[in-house]
Amino acid sequence: MAIGHYQKAMYDFGTAIRFDDKNAQYYANRGNCMMMLNQINDALAEFEKAISLKPNDGFYYFNRGLVHARLMNYTHAIQDFTDGLKYIKSGETSFKALFHRGNCYRQIKEYAKSIDDLKRACEAVKDDAPAQNNLGLSYFENQEYDQALDRFKKSIELDPTKATYYNNKALALYHNELYD
């Protein structure tokens, strides 16, 4: 799995499950392989099995949340990221759960919650350009153009190579009537 041979790894995890069908990690790993192979519904079933075997592992909820987000089941994804955060207290996965939950809230137009989660993600990892940009998008969609502009500028400072960030900044400038 680590070297990107997901089909082979999926087969190996299936073999491991035949020997020990009570190991939640095997199901979760097979689910991760299925996600990478775009077998989204199958991945969902694997994470559900992993959670049923080990319901206090935040990583399984986080990964199932990613699957729900890809299926555009945003309310289910939000619940899974929330459940994951109960067990994951810090670190990169906590940042990612806040980031993805914030984006899901934006998809269902709950901008205040989106902004809150994305601000917390940006505070946790200050140098993440996509997090800054996504926070800017939430501000923008909430018609808070000054705050959006600040975040788009920050994302450009962190990564000046992304044309999308400049486009977003230009839209915020436009809405602030700063046409020059």
C-alpha atoms as a PDB file:
ATOM      1  CA  MET A   1       0.000   0.000   0.000  1.00  0.00           C
ATOM      2  CA  ALA A   2       2.824   2.421   0.885  1.00  0.00           C
ATOM      3  CA  ILE A   3       4.355   2.110  -2.584  1.00  0.00           C
ATOM      4  CA  GLY A   4       1.043   2.566  -4.380  1.00  0.00           C
ATOM      5  CA  HIS A   5       0.264  -1.024  -5.337  1.00  0.00           C
ATOM      6  CA  TYR A   6      -3.286  -0.756  -4.075  1.00  0.00           C
ATOM      7  CA  GLN A   7      -4.754  -3.702  -5.973  1.00  0.00           C
ATOM      8  CA  LYS A   8      -2.097  -6.057  -4.604  1.00  0.00           C
ATOM      9  CA  ALA A   9      -2.376  -4.600  -1.113  1.00  0.00           C
ATOM     10  CA  MET A  10      -6.159  -4.940  -1.218  1.00  0.00           C
ATOM     11  CA  TYR A  11      -5.749  -8.624  -2.072  1.00  0.00           C
ATOM     12  CA  ASP A  12      -3.258  -9.078   0.785  1.00  0.00           C
ATOM     13  CA  PHE A  13      -5.583  -7.386   3.294  1.00  0.00           C
ATOM     14  CA  GLY A  14      -8.386  -9.648   2.054  1.00  0.00           C
ATOM     15  CA  THR A  15      -6.170 -12.646   2.756  1.00  0.00           C
ATOM     16  CA  ALA A  16      -5.371 -11.308   6.219  1.00  0.00           C
ATOM     17  CA  ILE A  17      -9.105 -10.896   6.897  1.00  0.00           C
ATOM     18  CA  ARG A  18      -9.708 -14.540   5.967  1.00  0.00           C
ATOM     19  CA  PHE A  19      -7.232 -15.475   8.721  1.00  0.00           C
ATOM     20  CA  ASP A  20      -8.461 -12.895  11.253  1.00  0.00           C
ATOM     21  CA  ASP A  21     -11.843 -11.379  10.466  1.00  0.00           C
ATOM     22  CA  LYS A  22     -11.978  -9.462  13.775  1.00  0.00           C
ATOM     23  CA  ASN A  23      -9.047  -7.138  13.030  1.00  0.00           C
ATOM     24  CA  ALA A  24     -10.460  -3.678  12.334  1.00  0.00           C
ATOM     25  CA  GLN A  25      -7.160  -2.393  10.905  1.00  0.00           C
ATOM     26  CA  TYR A  26      -7.279  -4.899   8.044  1.00  0.00           C
ATOM     27  CA  TYR A  27     -10.702  -3.627   6.978  1.00  0.00           C
ATOM     28  CA  ALA A  28      -9.599   0.000   7.296  1.00  0.00           C
ATOM     29  CA  ASN A  29      -6.457  -0.622   5.249  1.00  0.00           C
ATOM     30  CA  ARG A  30      -8.453  -2.424   2.582  1.00  0.00           C
ATOM     31  CA  GLY A  31     -10.890   0.510   2.627  1.00  0.00           C
ATOM     32  CA  ASN A  32      -8.004   2.938   2.060  1.00  0.00           C
ATOM     33  CA  CYS A  33      -6.888   0.871  -0.930  1.00  0.00           C
ATOM     34  CA  MET A  34     -10.422   0.916  -2.298  1.00  0.00           C
ATOM     35  CA  MET A  35     -10.569   4.692  -1.897  1.00  0.00           C
ATOM     36  CA  MET A  36      -7.340   5.038  -3.864  1.00  0.00           C
ATOM     37  CA  LEU A  37      -8.810   2.778  -6.580  1.00  0.00           C
ATOM     38  CA  ASN A  38     -12.003   4.875  -6.622  1.00  0.00           C
ATOM     39  CA  GLN A  39     -14.119   1.987  -5.350  1.00  0.00           C
ATOM     40  CA  ILE A  40     -15.952   4.391  -3.082  1.00  0.00           C
ATOM     41  CA  ASN A  41     -19.011   2.362  -2.079  1.00  0.00           C
ATOM     42  CA  ASP A  42     -16.852  -0.664  -1.290  1.00  0.00           C
ATOM     43  CA  ALA A  43     -14.533   1.556   0.768  1.00  0.00           C
ATOM     44  CA  LEU A  44     -17.545   2.791   2.724  1.00  0.00           C
ATOM     45  CA  ALA A  45     -18.487  -0.786   3.650  1.00  0.00           C
ATOM     46  CA  GLU A  46     -14.913  -1.503   4.780  1.00  0.00           C
ATOM     47  CA  PHE A  47     -14.798   1.506   7.100  1.00  0.00           C
ATOM     48  CA  GLU A  48     -18.219   0.625   8.499  1.00  0.00           C
ATOM     49  CA  LYS A  49     -16.910  -2.855   9.323  1.00  0.00           C
ATOM     50  CA  ALA A  50     -13.774  -1.379  10.921  1.00  0.00           C
ATOM     51  CA  ILE A  51     -15.896   0.961  13.063  1.00  0.00           C
ATOM     52  CA  SER A  52     -18.185  -1.878  14.117  1.00  0.00           C
ATOM     53  CA  LEU A  53     -15.137  -3.807  15.330  1.00  0.00           C
ATOM     54  CA  LYS A  54     -13.376  -0.855  16.971  1.00  0.00           C
ATOM     55  CA  PRO A  55     -15.840   2.003  17.571  1.00  0.00           C
ATOM     56  CA  ASN A  56     -13.402   4.215  19.486  1.00  0.00           C
ATOM     57  CA  ASP A  57     -10.825   4.690  16.720  1.00  0.00           C
ATOM     58  CA  GLY A  58     -11.064   8.216  15.345  1.00  0.00           C
ATOM     59  CA  PHE A  59      -9.073   7.409  12.215  1.00  0.00           C
ATOM     60  CA  TYR A  60     -11.784   5.031  11.005  1.00  0.00           C
ATOM     61  CA  TYR A  61     -14.424   7.743  11.409  1.00  0.00           C
ATOM     62  CA  PHE A  62     -12.158  10.237   9.677  1.00  0.00           C
ATOM     63  CA  ASN A  63     -11.648   7.943   6.689  1.00  0.00           C
ATOM     64  CA  ARG A  64     -15.349   7.104   6.455  1.00  0.00           C
ATOM     65  CA  GLY A  65     -15.973  10.853   6.535  1.00  0.00           C
ATOM     66  CA  LEU A  66     -13.696  11.249   3.509  1.00  0.00           C
ATOM     67  CA  VAL A  67     -15.734   8.604   1.701  1.00  0.00           C
ATOM     68  CA  HIS A  68     -19.014  10.318   2.573  1.00  0.00           C
ATOM     69  CA  ALA A  69     -17.589  13.640   1.370  1.00  0.00           C
ATOM     70  CA  ARG A  70     -16.616  12.090  -1.969  1.00  0.00           C
ATOM     71  CA  LEU A  71     -20.153  10.719  -2.231  1.00  0.00           C
ATOM     72  CA  MET A  72     -21.414  14.253  -1.437  1.00  0.00           C
ATOM     73  CA  ASN A  73     -23.159  12.959   1.694  1.00  0.00           C
ATOM     74  CA  TYR A  74     -21.981  16.040   3.550  1.00  0.00           C
ATOM     75  CA  THR A  75     -24.105  15.665   6.687  1.00  0.00           C
ATOM     76  CA  HIS A  76     -22.849  12.097   7.160  1.00  0.00           C
ATOM     77  CA  ALA A  77     -19.291  13.274   6.511  1.00  0.00           C
ATOM     78  CA  ILE A  78     -19.673  16.056   9.090  1.00  0.00           C
ATOM     79  CA  GLN A  79     -20.901  13.551  11.668  1.00  0.00           C
ATOM     80  CA  ASP A  80     -17.986  11.219  10.968  1.00  0.00           C
ATOM     81  CA  PHE A  81     -15.420  14.031  11.224  1.00  0.00           C
ATOM     82  CA  THR A  82     -17.078  15.104  14.483  1.00  0.00           C
ATOM     83  CA  ASP A  83     -16.958  11.552  15.828  1.00  0.00           C
ATOM     84  CA  GLY A  84     -13.352  11.229  14.727  1.00  0.00           C
ATOM     85  CA  LEU A  85     -12.402  14.416  16.549  1.00  0.00           C
ATOM     86  CA  LYS A  86     -13.750  12.921  19.792  1.00  0.00           C
ATOM     87  CA  TYR A  87     -10.944  10.365  19.665  1.00  0.00           C
ATOM     88  CA  ILE A  88      -8.253  12.279  17.755  1.00  0.00           C
ATOM     89  CA  LYS A  89      -7.157  15.130  19.999  1.00  0.00           C
ATOM     90  CA  SER A  90      -4.225  16.617  18.114  1.00  0.00           C
ATOM     91  CA  GLY A  91      -1.903  16.211  15.202  1.00  0.00           C
ATOM     92  CA  GLU A  92      -2.231  16.180  11.460  1.00  0.00           C
ATOM     93  CA  THR A  93      -5.398  14.073  11.378  1.00  0.00           C
ATOM     94  CA  SER A  94      -7.126  16.487  13.740  1.00  0.00           C
ATOM     95  CA  PHE A  95      -6.163  19.352  11.404  1.00  0.00           C
ATOM     96  CA  LYS A  96      -7.440  17.387   8.405  1.00  0.00           C
ATOM     97  CA  ALA A  97     -10.717  16.528  10.137  1.00  0.00           C
ATOM     98  CA  LEU A  98     -11.334  20.213  10.885  1.00  0.00           C
ATOM     99  CA  PHE A  99     -10.330  21.151   7.346  1.00  0.00           C
ATOM    100  CA  HIS A 100     -12.627  18.616   5.697  1.00  0.00           C
ATOM    101  CA  ARG A 101     -15.508  19.225   8.090  1.00  0.00           C
ATOM    102  CA  GLY A 102     -15.223  22.952   7.413  1.00  0.00           C
ATOM    103  CA  ASN A 103     -15.402  22.308   3.683  1.00  0.00           C
ATOM    104  CA  CYS A 104     -18.436  20.071   4.136  1.00  0.00           C
ATOM    105  CA  TYR A 105     -20.172  22.779   6.151  1.00  0.00           C
ATOM    106  CA  ARG A 106     -19.468  25.185   3.300  1.00  0.00           C
ATOM    107  CA  GLN A 107     -21.049  22.751   0.839  1.00  0.00           C
ATOM    108  CA  ILE A 108     -24.290  22.776   2.828  1.00  0.00           C
ATOM    109  CA  LYS A 109     -24.074  26.574   3.248  1.00  0.00           C
ATOM    110  CA  GLU A 110     -23.483  26.577   7.012  1.00  0.00           C
ATOM    111  CA  TYR A 111     -20.867  29.278   6.686  1.00  0.00           C
ATOM    112  CA  ALA A 112     -20.434  30.194  10.360  1.00  0.00           C
ATOM    113  CA  LYS A 113     -19.560  26.583  11.225  1.00  0.00           C
ATOM    114  CA  SER A 114     -17.364  26.326   8.144  1.00  0.00           C
ATOM    115  CA  ILE A 115     -15.476  29.471   9.109  1.00  0.00           C
ATOM    116  CA  ASP A 116     -15.062  28.267  12.696  1.00  0.00           C
ATOM    117  CA  ASP A 117     -13.616  24.895  11.664  1.00  0.00           C
ATOM    118  CA  LEU A 118     -11.357  26.341   9.005  1.00  0.00           C
ATOM    119  CA  LYS A 119     -10.080  29.035  11.382  1.00  0.00           C
ATOM    120  CA  ARG A 120      -9.235  26.316  13.903  1.00  0.00           C
ATOM    121  CA  ALA A 121      -7.463  24.357  11.160  1.00  0.00           C
ATOM    122  CA  CYS A 122      -5.495  27.457  10.112  1.00  0.00           C
ATOM    123  CA  GLU A 123      -4.514  28.104  13.728  1.00  0.00           C
ATOM    124  CA  ALA A 124      -3.325  24.508  14.094  1.00  0.00           C
ATOM    125  CA  VAL A 125      -1.243  24.591  10.901  1.00  0.00           C
ATOM    126  CA  LYS A 126      -0.446  28.177  10.049  1.00  0.00           C
ATOM    127  CA  ASP A 127       1.501  27.490   6.858  1.00  0.00           C
ATOM    128  CA  ASP A 128      -1.124  25.458   4.972  1.00  0.00           C
ATOM    129  CA  ALA A 129      -2.069  27.419   1.837  1.00  0.00           C
ATOM    130  CA  PRO A 130      -5.125  25.286   0.915  1.00  0.00           C
ATOM    131  CA  ALA A 131      -6.568  25.774   4.415  1.00  0.00           C
ATOM    132  CA  GLN A 132      -6.106  29.544   4.143  1.00  0.00           C
ATOM    133  CA  ASN A 133      -7.692  29.533   0.686  1.00  0.00           C
ATOM    134  CA  ASN A 134     -10.653  27.431   1.809  1.00  0.00           C
ATOM    135  CA  LEU A 135     -11.218  29.720   4.782  1.00  0.00           C
ATOM    136  CA  GLY A 136     -11.199  32.579   2.298  1.00  0.00           C
ATOM    137  CA  LEU A 137     -13.803  30.771   0.203  1.00  0.00           C
ATOM    138  CA  SER A 138     -16.052  30.378   3.230  1.00  0.00           C
ATOM    139  CA  TYR A 139     -15.728  34.065   4.041  1.00  0.00           C
ATOM    140  CA  PHE A 140     -16.372  34.901   0.396  1.00  0.00           C
ATOM    141  CA  GLU A 141     -19.511  32.777   0.177  1.00  0.00           C
ATOM    142  CA  ASN A 142     -20.671  34.378   3.421  1.00  0.00           C
ATOM    143  CA  GLN A 143     -20.158  37.757   1.701  1.00  0.00           C
ATOM    144  CA  GLU A 144     -17.379  38.775   4.104  1.00  0.00           C
ATOM    145  CA  TYR A 145     -15.136  40.022   1.321  1.00  0.00           C
ATOM    146  CA  ASP A 146     -12.526  41.832   3.438  1.00  0.00           C
ATOM    147  CA  GLN A 147     -11.814  38.693   5.476  1.00  0.00           C
ATOM    148  CA  ALA A 148     -11.825  36.601   2.302  1.00  0.00           C
ATOM    149  CA  LEU A 149      -9.294  38.929   0.704  1.00  0.00           C
ATOM    150  CA  ASP A 150      -6.987  38.638   3.729  1.00  0.00           C
ATOM    151  CA  ARG A 151      -7.065  34.835   3.535  1.00  0.00           C
ATOM    152  CA  PHE A 152      -6.531  34.741  -0.216  1.00  0.00           C
ATOM    153  CA  LYS A 153      -3.505  37.014   0.227  1.00  0.00           C
ATOM    154  CA  LYS A 154      -2.198  34.687   2.932  1.00  0.00           C
ATOM    155  CA  SER A 155      -2.637  31.631   0.690  1.00  0.00           C
ATOM    156  CA  ILE A 156      -0.657  33.415  -2.073  1.00  0.00           C
ATOM    157  CA  GLU A 157       2.121  34.288   0.417  1.00  0.00           C
ATOM    158  CA  LEU A 158       2.339  30.621   1.346  1.00  0.00           C
ATOM    159  CA  ASP A 159       2.142  29.310  -2.233  1.00  0.00           C
ATOM    160  CA  PRO A 160       2.536  31.879  -5.025  1.00  0.00           C
ATOM    161  CA  THR A 161       2.335  29.183  -7.733  1.00  0.00           C
ATOM    162  CA  LYS A 162      -1.440  28.507  -7.594  1.00  0.00           C
ATOM    163  CA  ALA A 163      -3.440  30.436 -10.161  1.00  0.00           C
ATOM    164  CA  THR A 164      -6.647  29.615  -8.274  1.00  0.00           C
ATOM    165  CA  TYR A 165      -5.497  31.693  -5.309  1.00  0.00           C
ATOM    166  CA  TYR A 166      -4.943  34.733  -7.536  1.00  0.00           C
ATOM    167  CA  ASN A 167      -8.348  34.211  -9.143  1.00  0.00           C
ATOM    168  CA  ASN A 168     -10.003  34.073  -5.725  1.00  0.00           C
ATOM    169  CA  LYS A 169      -8.146  37.205  -4.643  1.00  0.00           C
ATOM    170  CA  ALA A 170      -9.298  38.990  -7.799  1.00  0.00           C
ATOM    171  CA  LEU A 171     -12.927  38.043  -7.090  1.00  0.00           C
ATOM    172  CA  ALA A 172     -12.652  39.402  -3.552  1.00  0.00           C
ATOM    173  CA  LEU A 173     -11.086  42.622  -4.871  1.00  0.00           C
ATOM    174  CA  TYR A 174     -13.897  42.908  -7.393  1.00  0.00           C
ATOM    175  CA  HIS A 175     -16.563  42.504  -4.717  1.00  0.00           C
ATOM    176  CA  ASN A 176     -14.775  45.142  -2.612  1.00  0.00           C
ATOM    177  CA  GLU A 177     -14.933  47.417  -5.695  1.00  0.00           C
ATOM    178  CA  LEU A 178     -11.138  47.602  -5.861  1.00  0.00           C
ATOM    179  CA  TYR A 179     -11.081  47.342  -9.640  1.00  0.00           C
ATOM    180  CA  ASP A 180      -7.513  48.497 -10.222  1.00  0.00           C
END
